[in-house]
Amino acid sequence: MAKKKPAATRRAPARRRETGAAPARQSAQPAAAAEESPKVKSGIPGFDRLVGGGFERDSVVLVTGDPGSGKTTFATQFLCNGATQYEEPGILITFEERREDLVKHMKSYGWDIEALENEKKIKILEYPPHEVERFISEGEIIRDIISDLKAKRVVIDSMTSFALVFENEYKMRLGVLKAIDSLKRWGCTTLLISEGTITEQGEVRDRFGIEYLVDGTIYLYNKRVRDYRQKLIEIVELKGIKHDNAIHPLSFGRKGISIEDRMI
């Protein structure tokens, strides 16, 4: 009987380690993982699974495609979801749509952008087309706004209006290069909206060749099928991310865009 005492004393500390230390490790691990995650979730239903969980942090991605395909809705949803779901404030820089019109149109999806502005979760910067050069020159001012807001996401709507103000292609390319360089230095995940087309060979061509300057390209279709139009999405390229290559249908509902599981 005397020999059983050492065995009992050895087992007691083992039980205390199992019940005492493990919970502390379990509660700390998820928080650390969230802080270090390189992925930026869009929060758009069905989209993040197509791109390995989200965008690469600090990347610049082109959202291009047909007129009326939902490019602005897609990008604004990305911005609003960041502000409301992931504690990532954002900035929308618009060269095309007036702030008042944008706020009104997005209310149809239940996105109260004015409330998010008041809570300092979103800020809209409006630059009429003739003030594009002012936008380029105010890069440092915008960086200060990003710092004050602690912004993590930026949407620019649209690069089409931005590029058209330059008097020739050479100056346009210089302007676009300078803008993208500024975007990369701002340290935000950025979506650029622009118009584009698909060639007969299936290659995506942005109207101004921006696809060669960014970290990824998403194409949105507005395709006529008999007597209705079908909205589609294709992940053309995302550097450093293994992504889905199929074309998927888009659905527009009361809460915005969602991506259907089925492929066409």
C-alpha atoms as a PDB file:
ATOM      1  CA  MET A   1       0.000   0.000   0.000  1.00  0.00           C
ATOM      2  CA  ALA A   2       2.897   2.384   0.698  1.00  0.00           C
ATOM      3  CA  LYS A   3       4.056   2.095  -2.918  1.00  0.00           C
ATOM      4  CA  LYS A   4       0.769   3.563  -4.247  1.00  0.00           C
ATOM      5  CA  LYS A   5       1.344   7.037  -2.717  1.00  0.00           C
ATOM      6  CA  PRO A   6       3.979   8.224  -5.245  1.00  0.00           C
ATOM      7  CA  ALA A   7       1.664   7.262  -8.134  1.00  0.00           C
ATOM      8  CA  ALA A   8      -1.212   9.290  -6.653  1.00  0.00           C
ATOM      9  CA  THR A   9       0.931  12.386  -6.130  1.00  0.00           C
ATOM     10  CA  ARG A  10       2.217  12.205  -9.731  1.00  0.00           C
ATOM     11  CA  ARG A  11      -1.318  12.032 -11.198  1.00  0.00           C
ATOM     12  CA  ALA A  12      -2.702  15.068  -9.274  1.00  0.00           C
ATOM     13  CA  PRO A  13      -0.446  17.701 -10.915  1.00  0.00           C
ATOM     14  CA  ALA A  14      -1.278  16.250 -14.356  1.00  0.00           C
ATOM     15  CA  ARG A  15      -5.000  16.805 -13.743  1.00  0.00           C
ATOM     16  CA  ARG A  16      -4.380  20.416 -12.633  1.00  0.00           C
ATOM     17  CA  ARG A  17      -2.462  21.184 -15.847  1.00  0.00           C
ATOM     18  CA  GLU A  18      -5.309  19.861 -18.000  1.00  0.00           C
ATOM     19  CA  THR A  19      -8.014  21.878 -16.256  1.00  0.00           C
ATOM     20  CA  GLY A  20      -6.079  25.068 -15.488  1.00  0.00           C
ATOM     21  CA  ALA A  21      -3.698  26.005 -18.313  1.00  0.00           C
ATOM     22  CA  ALA A  22      -5.595  24.903 -21.445  1.00  0.00           C
ATOM     23  CA  PRO A  23      -8.477  27.430 -21.292  1.00  0.00           C
ATOM     24  CA  ALA A  24      -6.031  30.359 -21.174  1.00  0.00           C
ATOM     25  CA  ARG A  25      -4.299  29.163 -24.337  1.00  0.00           C
ATOM     26  CA  GLN A  26      -7.613  28.624 -26.132  1.00  0.00           C
ATOM     27  CA  SER A  27      -8.936  32.117 -25.342  1.00  0.00           C
ATOM     28  CA  ALA A  28      -5.743  33.909 -26.432  1.00  0.00           C
ATOM     29  CA  GLN A  29      -5.098  32.065 -29.690  1.00  0.00           C
ATOM     30  CA  PRO A  30      -8.096  33.286 -31.780  1.00  0.00           C
ATOM     31  CA  ALA A  31      -7.424  36.951 -30.913  1.00  0.00           C
ATOM     32  CA  ALA A  32      -3.805  36.679 -32.045  1.00  0.00           C
ATOM     33  CA  ALA A  33      -4.816  34.950 -35.255  1.00  0.00           C
ATOM     34  CA  ALA A  34      -7.367  37.682 -36.037  1.00  0.00           C
ATOM     35  CA  GLU A  35      -4.772  40.442 -35.586  1.00  0.00           C
ATOM     36  CA  GLU A  36      -2.272  38.755 -37.900  1.00  0.00           C
ATOM     37  CA  SER A  37      -4.676  37.630 -40.614  1.00  0.00           C
ATOM     38  CA  PRO A  38      -3.444  38.718 -44.064  1.00  0.00           C
ATOM     39  CA  LYS A  39      -6.924  38.320 -45.539  1.00  0.00           C
ATOM     40  CA  VAL A  40      -9.485  41.089 -45.914  1.00  0.00           C
ATOM     41  CA  LYS A  41     -12.989  39.665 -45.993  1.00  0.00           C
ATOM     42  CA  SER A  42     -15.474  41.316 -48.312  1.00  0.00           C
ATOM     43  CA  GLY A  43     -18.462  40.014 -46.363  1.00  0.00           C
ATOM     44  CA  ILE A  44     -20.303  39.627 -49.687  1.00  0.00           C
ATOM     45  CA  PRO A  45     -22.214  36.333 -49.444  1.00  0.00           C
ATOM     46  CA  GLY A  46     -20.531  33.635 -51.518  1.00  0.00           C
ATOM     47  CA  PHE A  47     -17.572  35.757 -52.618  1.00  0.00           C
ATOM     48  CA  ASP A  48     -14.850  35.157 -50.045  1.00  0.00           C
ATOM     49  CA  ARG A  49     -14.894  31.392 -50.598  1.00  0.00           C
ATOM     50  CA  LEU A  50     -13.980  32.075 -54.252  1.00  0.00           C
ATOM     51  CA  VAL A  51     -10.818  33.944 -53.260  1.00  0.00           C
ATOM     52  CA  GLY A  52      -9.368  31.815 -50.485  1.00  0.00           C
ATOM     53  CA  GLY A  53     -11.041  33.707 -47.657  1.00  0.00           C
ATOM     54  CA  GLY A  54     -10.616  37.302 -48.817  1.00  0.00           C
ATOM     55  CA  PHE A  55      -8.374  39.837 -50.532  1.00  0.00           C
ATOM     56  CA  GLU A  56      -4.690  40.202 -49.743  1.00  0.00           C
ATOM     57  CA  ARG A  57      -4.232  43.018 -47.248  1.00  0.00           C
ATOM     58  CA  ASP A  58      -3.047  46.327 -48.784  1.00  0.00           C
ATOM     59  CA  SER A  59      -3.659  45.071 -52.328  1.00  0.00           C
ATOM     60  CA  VAL A  60      -5.129  47.181 -55.161  1.00  0.00           C
ATOM     61  CA  VAL A  61      -7.824  45.304 -57.090  1.00  0.00           C
ATOM     62  CA  LEU A  62      -9.593  46.386 -60.260  1.00  0.00           C
ATOM     63  CA  VAL A  63     -13.365  45.844 -60.432  1.00  0.00           C
ATOM     64  CA  THR A  64     -14.162  46.242 -64.106  1.00  0.00           C
ATOM     65  CA  GLY A  65     -16.847  45.144 -66.518  1.00  0.00           C
ATOM     66  CA  ASP A  66     -19.988  46.010 -68.417  1.00  0.00           C
ATOM     67  CA  PRO A  67     -22.076  49.132 -67.731  1.00  0.00           C
ATOM     68  CA  GLY A  68     -24.877  48.346 -65.291  1.00  0.00           C
ATOM     69  CA  SER A  69     -23.256  45.157 -64.022  1.00  0.00           C
ATOM     70  CA  GLY A  70     -23.148  46.222 -60.349  1.00  0.00           C
ATOM     71  CA  LYS A  71     -19.565  47.433 -59.970  1.00  0.00           C
ATOM     72  CA  THR A  72     -20.403  50.357 -57.682  1.00  0.00           C
ATOM     73  CA  THR A  73     -22.763  48.203 -55.601  1.00  0.00           C
ATOM     74  CA  PHE A  74     -20.094  45.498 -55.206  1.00  0.00           C
ATOM     75  CA  ALA A  75     -17.435  47.973 -54.092  1.00  0.00           C
ATOM     76  CA  THR A  76     -19.742  49.922 -51.759  1.00  0.00           C
ATOM     77  CA  GLN A  77     -20.887  46.674 -50.145  1.00  0.00           C
ATOM     78  CA  PHE A  78     -17.225  45.792 -49.535  1.00  0.00           C
ATOM     79  CA  LEU A  79     -16.781  49.196 -47.874  1.00  0.00           C
ATOM     80  CA  CYS A  80     -19.942  49.055 -45.730  1.00  0.00           C
ATOM     81  CA  ASN A  81     -19.261  45.479 -44.620  1.00  0.00           C
ATOM     82  CA  GLY A  82     -15.797  46.492 -43.516  1.00  0.00           C
ATOM     83  CA  ALA A  83     -17.249  49.291 -41.394  1.00  0.00           C
ATOM     84  CA  THR A  84     -20.092  47.278 -39.859  1.00  0.00           C
ATOM     85  CA  GLN A  85     -18.754  43.711 -39.633  1.00  0.00           C
ATOM     86  CA  TYR A  86     -14.959  43.838 -39.383  1.00  0.00           C
ATOM     87  CA  GLU A  87     -14.140  47.128 -37.604  1.00  0.00           C
ATOM     88  CA  GLU A  88     -12.346  48.384 -40.710  1.00  0.00           C
ATOM     89  CA  PRO A  89     -13.326  51.976 -41.536  1.00  0.00           C
ATOM     90  CA  GLY A  90     -13.215  52.991 -45.181  1.00  0.00           C
ATOM     91  CA  ILE A  91     -13.080  55.895 -47.611  1.00  0.00           C
ATOM     92  CA  LEU A  92     -15.026  56.232 -50.844  1.00  0.00           C
ATOM     93  CA  ILE A  93     -13.478  58.611 -53.374  1.00  0.00           C
ATOM     94  CA  THR A  94     -15.958  59.438 -56.104  1.00  0.00           C
ATOM     95  CA  PHE A  95     -15.260  61.192 -59.395  1.00  0.00           C
ATOM     96  CA  GLU A  96     -18.534  60.190 -60.965  1.00  0.00           C
ATOM     97  CA  GLU A  97     -21.602  60.001 -58.737  1.00  0.00           C
ATOM     98  CA  ARG A  98     -22.590  62.840 -56.437  1.00  0.00           C
ATOM     99  CA  ARG A  99     -22.428  62.051 -52.747  1.00  0.00           C
ATOM    100  CA  GLU A 100     -26.143  62.742 -52.265  1.00  0.00           C
ATOM    101  CA  ASP A 101     -27.102  60.379 -55.098  1.00  0.00           C
ATOM    102  CA  LEU A 102     -24.803  57.638 -53.832  1.00  0.00           C
ATOM    103  CA  VAL A 103     -26.205  57.842 -50.297  1.00  0.00           C
ATOM    104  CA  LYS A 104     -29.773  57.730 -51.641  1.00  0.00           C
ATOM    105  CA  HIS A 105     -29.187  54.788 -53.995  1.00  0.00           C
ATOM    106  CA  MET A 106     -27.433  52.678 -51.383  1.00  0.00           C
ATOM    107  CA  LYS A 107     -30.268  53.113 -48.877  1.00  0.00           C
ATOM    108  CA  SER A 108     -32.269  50.711 -51.042  1.00  0.00           C
ATOM    109  CA  TYR A 109     -29.964  47.964 -49.734  1.00  0.00           C
ATOM    110  CA  GLY A 110     -30.322  49.094 -46.126  1.00  0.00           C
ATOM    111  CA  TRP A 111     -26.878  50.746 -46.020  1.00  0.00           C
ATOM    112  CA  ASP A 112     -27.116  53.962 -44.020  1.00  0.00           C
ATOM    113  CA  ILE A 113     -23.943  55.640 -45.205  1.00  0.00           C
ATOM    114  CA  GLU A 114     -24.809  58.924 -43.488  1.00  0.00           C
ATOM    115  CA  ALA A 115     -24.989  57.153 -40.126  1.00  0.00           C
ATOM    116  CA  LEU A 116     -21.662  55.447 -40.798  1.00  0.00           C
ATOM    117  CA  GLU A 117     -20.164  58.838 -41.656  1.00  0.00           C
ATOM    118  CA  ASN A 118     -21.416  60.280 -38.366  1.00  0.00           C
ATOM    119  CA  GLU A 119     -19.866  57.329 -36.525  1.00  0.00           C
ATOM    120  CA  LYS A 120     -16.568  57.996 -38.355  1.00  0.00           C
ATOM    121  CA  LYS A 121     -16.618  54.561 -39.952  1.00  0.00           C
ATOM    122  CA  ILE A 122     -16.916  55.793 -43.546  1.00  0.00           C
ATOM    123  CA  LYS A 123     -15.941  59.029 -45.258  1.00  0.00           C
ATOM    124  CA  ILE A 124     -16.914  60.106 -48.765  1.00  0.00           C
ATOM    125  CA  LEU A 125     -14.559  62.389 -50.689  1.00  0.00           C
ATOM    126  CA  GLU A 126     -16.172  63.918 -53.757  1.00  0.00           C
ATOM    127  CA  TYR A 127     -14.013  65.182 -56.623  1.00  0.00           C
ATOM    128  CA  PRO A 128     -15.836  66.430 -59.734  1.00  0.00           C
ATOM    129  CA  PRO A 129     -14.099  65.246 -62.938  1.00  0.00           C
ATOM    130  CA  HIS A 130     -12.457  68.616 -63.523  1.00  0.00           C
ATOM    131  CA  GLU A 131     -10.772  68.338 -60.095  1.00  0.00           C
ATOM    132  CA  VAL A 132      -8.883  65.105 -60.759  1.00  0.00           C
ATOM    133  CA  GLU A 133      -5.560  66.905 -60.695  1.00  0.00           C
ATOM    134  CA  ARG A 134      -6.463  68.304 -57.264  1.00  0.00           C
ATOM    135  CA  PHE A 135      -7.016  64.726 -56.092  1.00  0.00           C
ATOM    136  CA  ILE A 136      -3.547  63.752 -57.306  1.00  0.00           C
ATOM    137  CA  SER A 137      -1.936  66.765 -55.636  1.00  0.00           C
ATOM    138  CA  GLU A 138      -3.771  66.128 -52.341  1.00  0.00           C
ATOM    139  CA  GLY A 139      -2.294  62.686 -51.791  1.00  0.00           C
ATOM    140  CA  GLU A 140      -0.748  63.682 -48.477  1.00  0.00           C
ATOM    141  CA  ILE A 141      -4.008  65.267 -47.311  1.00  0.00           C
ATOM    142  CA  ILE A 142      -5.896  62.060 -48.083  1.00  0.00           C
ATOM    143  CA  ARG A 143      -3.252  60.072 -46.253  1.00  0.00           C
ATOM    144  CA  ASP A 144      -3.886  62.256 -43.184  1.00  0.00           C
ATOM    145  CA  ILE A 145      -7.630  61.565 -43.491  1.00  0.00           C
ATOM    146  CA  ILE A 146      -6.900  57.835 -43.679  1.00  0.00           C
ATOM    147  CA  SER A 147      -4.738  58.120 -40.570  1.00  0.00           C
ATOM    148  CA  ASP A 148      -7.371  60.070 -38.610  1.00  0.00           C
ATOM    149  CA  LEU A 149     -10.133  57.635 -39.588  1.00  0.00           C
ATOM    150  CA  LYS A 150      -7.849  54.612 -39.161  1.00  0.00           C
ATOM    151  CA  ALA A 151      -9.169  53.546 -42.553  1.00  0.00           C
ATOM    152  CA  LYS A 152      -8.314  50.089 -43.862  1.00  0.00           C
ATOM    153  CA  ARG A 153     -10.384  50.102 -47.067  1.00  0.00           C
ATOM    154  CA  VAL A 154     -10.619  52.488 -50.017  1.00  0.00           C
ATOM    155  CA  VAL A 155     -12.953  52.503 -53.019  1.00  0.00           C
ATOM    156  CA  ILE A 156     -12.422  54.741 -56.065  1.00  0.00           C
ATOM    157  CA  ASP A 157     -15.411  55.271 -58.352  1.00  0.00           C
ATOM    158  CA  SER A 158     -14.443  55.465 -61.066  1.00  0.00           C
ATOM    159  CA  MET A 159     -11.118  55.311 -62.860  1.00  0.00           C
ATOM    160  CA  THR A 160     -13.033  55.899 -66.100  1.00  0.00           C
ATOM    161  CA  SER A 161     -13.930  59.450 -65.067  1.00  0.00           C
ATOM    162  CA  PHE A 162     -10.438  59.882 -63.626  1.00  0.00           C
ATOM    163  CA  ALA A 163      -8.651  58.923 -66.843  1.00  0.00           C
ATOM    164  CA  LEU A 164     -10.872  60.867 -69.259  1.00  0.00           C
ATOM    165  CA  VAL A 165      -9.787  64.284 -68.005  1.00  0.00           C
ATOM    166  CA  PHE A 166      -6.241  63.925 -69.345  1.00  0.00           C
ATOM    167  CA  GLU A 167      -5.615  65.468 -72.750  1.00  0.00           C
ATOM    168  CA  ASN A 168      -3.657  62.531 -74.176  1.00  0.00           C
ATOM    169  CA  GLU A 169      -2.877  58.893 -73.453  1.00  0.00           C
ATOM    170  CA  TYR A 170       0.655  59.605 -72.270  1.00  0.00           C
ATOM    171  CA  LYS A 171      -0.513  62.026 -69.553  1.00  0.00           C
ATOM    172  CA  MET A 172      -3.348  59.695 -68.658  1.00  0.00           C
ATOM    173  CA  ARG A 173      -0.976  56.793 -68.025  1.00  0.00           C
ATOM    174  CA  LEU A 174       1.302  58.999 -65.935  1.00  0.00           C
ATOM    175  CA  GLY A 175      -1.702  60.145 -63.901  1.00  0.00           C
ATOM    176  CA  VAL A 176      -2.941  56.594 -63.380  1.00  0.00           C
ATOM    177  CA  LEU A 177       0.526  55.373 -62.382  1.00  0.00           C
ATOM    178  CA  LYS A 178       0.893  58.201 -59.879  1.00  0.00           C
ATOM    179  CA  ALA A 179      -2.555  57.511 -58.430  1.00  0.00           C
ATOM    180  CA  ILE A 180      -1.881  53.778 -58.011  1.00  0.00           C
ATOM    181  CA  ASP A 181       1.500  54.514 -56.444  1.00  0.00           C
ATOM    182  CA  SER A 182      -0.247  56.743 -53.894  1.00  0.00           C
ATOM    183  CA  LEU A 183      -2.838  54.039 -53.215  1.00  0.00           C
ATOM    184  CA  LYS A 184      -0.165  51.476 -52.432  1.00  0.00           C
ATOM    185  CA  ARG A 185       1.537  53.895 -50.014  1.00  0.00           C
ATOM    186  CA  TRP A 186      -1.712  54.570 -48.160  1.00  0.00           C
ATOM    187  CA  GLY A 187      -1.660  51.063 -46.677  1.00  0.00           C
ATOM    188  CA  CYS A 188      -5.292  50.197 -47.430  1.00  0.00           C
ATOM    189  CA  THR A 189      -7.010  47.433 -49.372  1.00  0.00           C
ATOM    190  CA  THR A 190      -8.359  49.271 -52.412  1.00  0.00           C
ATOM    191  CA  LEU A 191     -10.984  48.539 -55.056  1.00  0.00           C
ATOM    192  CA  LEU A 192     -10.783  50.548 -58.293  1.00  0.00           C
ATOM    193  CA  ILE A 193     -13.958  50.696 -60.390  1.00  0.00           C
ATOM    194  CA  SER A 194     -13.588  50.996 -64.161  1.00  0.00           C
ATOM    195  CA  GLU A 195     -15.191  50.013 -67.450  1.00  0.00           C
ATOM    196  CA  GLY A 196     -13.879  47.035 -69.385  1.00  0.00           C
ATOM    197  CA  THR A 197     -14.597  44.525 -72.116  1.00  0.00           C
ATOM    198  CA  ILE A 198     -14.011  40.866 -72.929  1.00  0.00           C
ATOM    199  CA  THR A 199     -12.251  39.995 -76.191  1.00  0.00           C
ATOM    200  CA  GLU A 200     -13.361  37.151 -78.468  1.00  0.00           C
ATOM    201  CA  GLN A 201     -10.524  35.112 -76.937  1.00  0.00           C
ATOM    202  CA  GLY A 202     -11.954  35.700 -73.464  1.00  0.00           C
ATOM    203  CA  GLU A 203      -9.267  38.159 -72.340  1.00  0.00           C
ATOM    204  CA  VAL A 204     -10.265  41.039 -70.062  1.00  0.00           C
ATOM    205  CA  ARG A 205      -9.306  44.483 -71.296  1.00  0.00           C
ATOM    206  CA  ASP A 206      -9.852  47.495 -69.107  1.00  0.00           C
ATOM    207  CA  ARG A 207     -10.630  50.614 -71.090  1.00  0.00           C
ATOM    208  CA  PHE A 208      -7.357  52.226 -70.001  1.00  0.00           C
ATOM    209  CA  GLY A 209      -5.113  49.195 -69.516  1.00  0.00           C
ATOM    210  CA  ILE A 210      -5.204  49.420 -65.735  1.00  0.00           C
ATOM    211  CA  GLU A 211      -5.276  45.621 -65.419  1.00  0.00           C
ATOM    212  CA  TYR A 212      -1.493  45.581 -65.940  1.00  0.00           C
ATOM    213  CA  LEU A 213      -0.868  47.901 -62.976  1.00  0.00           C
ATOM    214  CA  VAL A 214      -2.916  46.294 -60.186  1.00  0.00           C
ATOM    215  CA  ASP A 215      -2.746  43.212 -57.957  1.00  0.00           C
ATOM    216  CA  GLY A 216      -5.908  41.626 -59.304  1.00  0.00           C
ATOM    217  CA  THR A 217      -8.897  41.947 -61.611  1.00  0.00           C
ATOM    218  CA  ILE A 218     -12.562  41.071 -61.101  1.00  0.00           C
ATOM    219  CA  TYR A 219     -14.921  41.210 -64.077  1.00  0.00           C
ATOM    220  CA  LEU A 220     -18.681  41.790 -63.755  1.00  0.00           C
ATOM    221  CA  TYR A 221     -20.956  40.932 -66.686  1.00  0.00           C
ATOM    222  CA  ASN A 222     -24.319  42.375 -67.649  1.00  0.00           C
ATOM    223  CA  LYS A 223     -25.226  39.777 -70.247  1.00  0.00           C
ATOM    224  CA  ARG A 224     -28.459  39.736 -72.216  1.00  0.00           C
ATOM    225  CA  VAL A 225     -30.059  36.279 -72.376  1.00  0.00           C
ATOM    226  CA  ARG A 226     -33.181  36.263 -74.567  1.00  0.00           C
ATOM    227  CA  ASP A 227     -35.570  38.704 -72.875  1.00  0.00           C
ATOM    228  CA  TYR A 228     -33.640  39.437 -69.667  1.00  0.00           C
ATOM    229  CA  ARG A 229     -30.168  40.403 -68.461  1.00  0.00           C
ATOM    230  CA  GLN A 230     -28.057  38.096 -66.316  1.00  0.00           C
ATOM    231  CA  LYS A 231     -25.453  39.476 -63.924  1.00  0.00           C
ATOM    232  CA  LEU A 232     -22.267  37.395 -63.624  1.00  0.00           C
ATOM    233  CA  ILE A 233     -18.905  37.596 -61.863  1.00  0.00           C
ATOM    234  CA  GLU A 234     -15.478  36.220 -62.777  1.00  0.00           C
ATOM    235  CA  ILE A 235     -12.276  36.330 -60.727  1.00  0.00           C
ATOM    236  CA  VAL A 236      -9.842  36.953 -63.571  1.00  0.00           C
ATOM    237  CA  GLU A 237      -6.670  37.300 -61.497  1.00  0.00           C
ATOM    238  CA  LEU A 238      -5.613  37.829 -57.896  1.00  0.00           C
ATOM    239  CA  LYS A 239      -1.857  37.727 -57.440  1.00  0.00           C
ATOM    240  CA  GLY A 240      -0.740  35.431 -54.656  1.00  0.00           C
ATOM    241  CA  ILE A 241      -4.208  33.919 -54.155  1.00  0.00           C
ATOM    242  CA  LYS A 242      -5.516  30.581 -55.367  1.00  0.00           C
ATOM    243  CA  HIS A 243      -8.965  31.536 -56.590  1.00  0.00           C
ATOM    244  CA  ASP A 244     -11.998  30.083 -58.329  1.00  0.00           C
ATOM    245  CA  ASN A 245     -11.798  30.310 -62.140  1.00  0.00           C
ATOM    246  CA  ALA A 246     -15.472  29.741 -62.956  1.00  0.00           C
ATOM    247  CA  ILE A 247     -18.050  32.367 -63.908  1.00  0.00           C
ATOM    248  CA  HIS A 248     -20.790  32.595 -61.270  1.00  0.00           C
ATOM    249  CA  PRO A 249     -24.227  34.248 -61.335  1.00  0.00           C
ATOM    250  CA  LEU A 250     -24.818  37.342 -59.215  1.00  0.00           C
ATOM    251  CA  SER A 251     -28.036  37.990 -57.344  1.00  0.00           C
ATOM    252  CA  PHE A 252     -29.238  41.418 -56.234  1.00  0.00           C
ATOM    253  CA  GLY A 253     -31.416  41.375 -53.136  1.00  0.00           C
ATOM    254  CA  ARG A 254     -32.604  43.709 -50.409  1.00  0.00           C
ATOM    255  CA  LYS A 255     -29.216  43.493 -48.651  1.00  0.00           C
ATOM    256  CA  GLY A 256     -27.031  43.827 -51.737  1.00  0.00           C
ATOM    257  CA  ILE A 257     -25.140  41.381 -53.907  1.00  0.00           C
ATOM    258  CA  SER A 258     -24.675  37.676 -53.290  1.00  0.00           C
ATOM    259  CA  ILE A 259     -22.770  35.100 -55.363  1.00  0.00           C
ATOM    260  CA  GLU A 260     -24.564  31.901 -56.321  1.00  0.00           C
ATOM    261  CA  ASP A 261     -22.866  28.517 -55.857  1.00  0.00           C
ATOM    262  CA  ARG A 262     -23.712  27.241 -59.295  1.00  0.00           C
ATOM    263  CA  MET A 263     -21.517  27.962 -62.311  1.00  0.00           C
ATOM    264  CA  ILE A 264     -22.597  28.817 -65.834  1.00  0.00           C
END
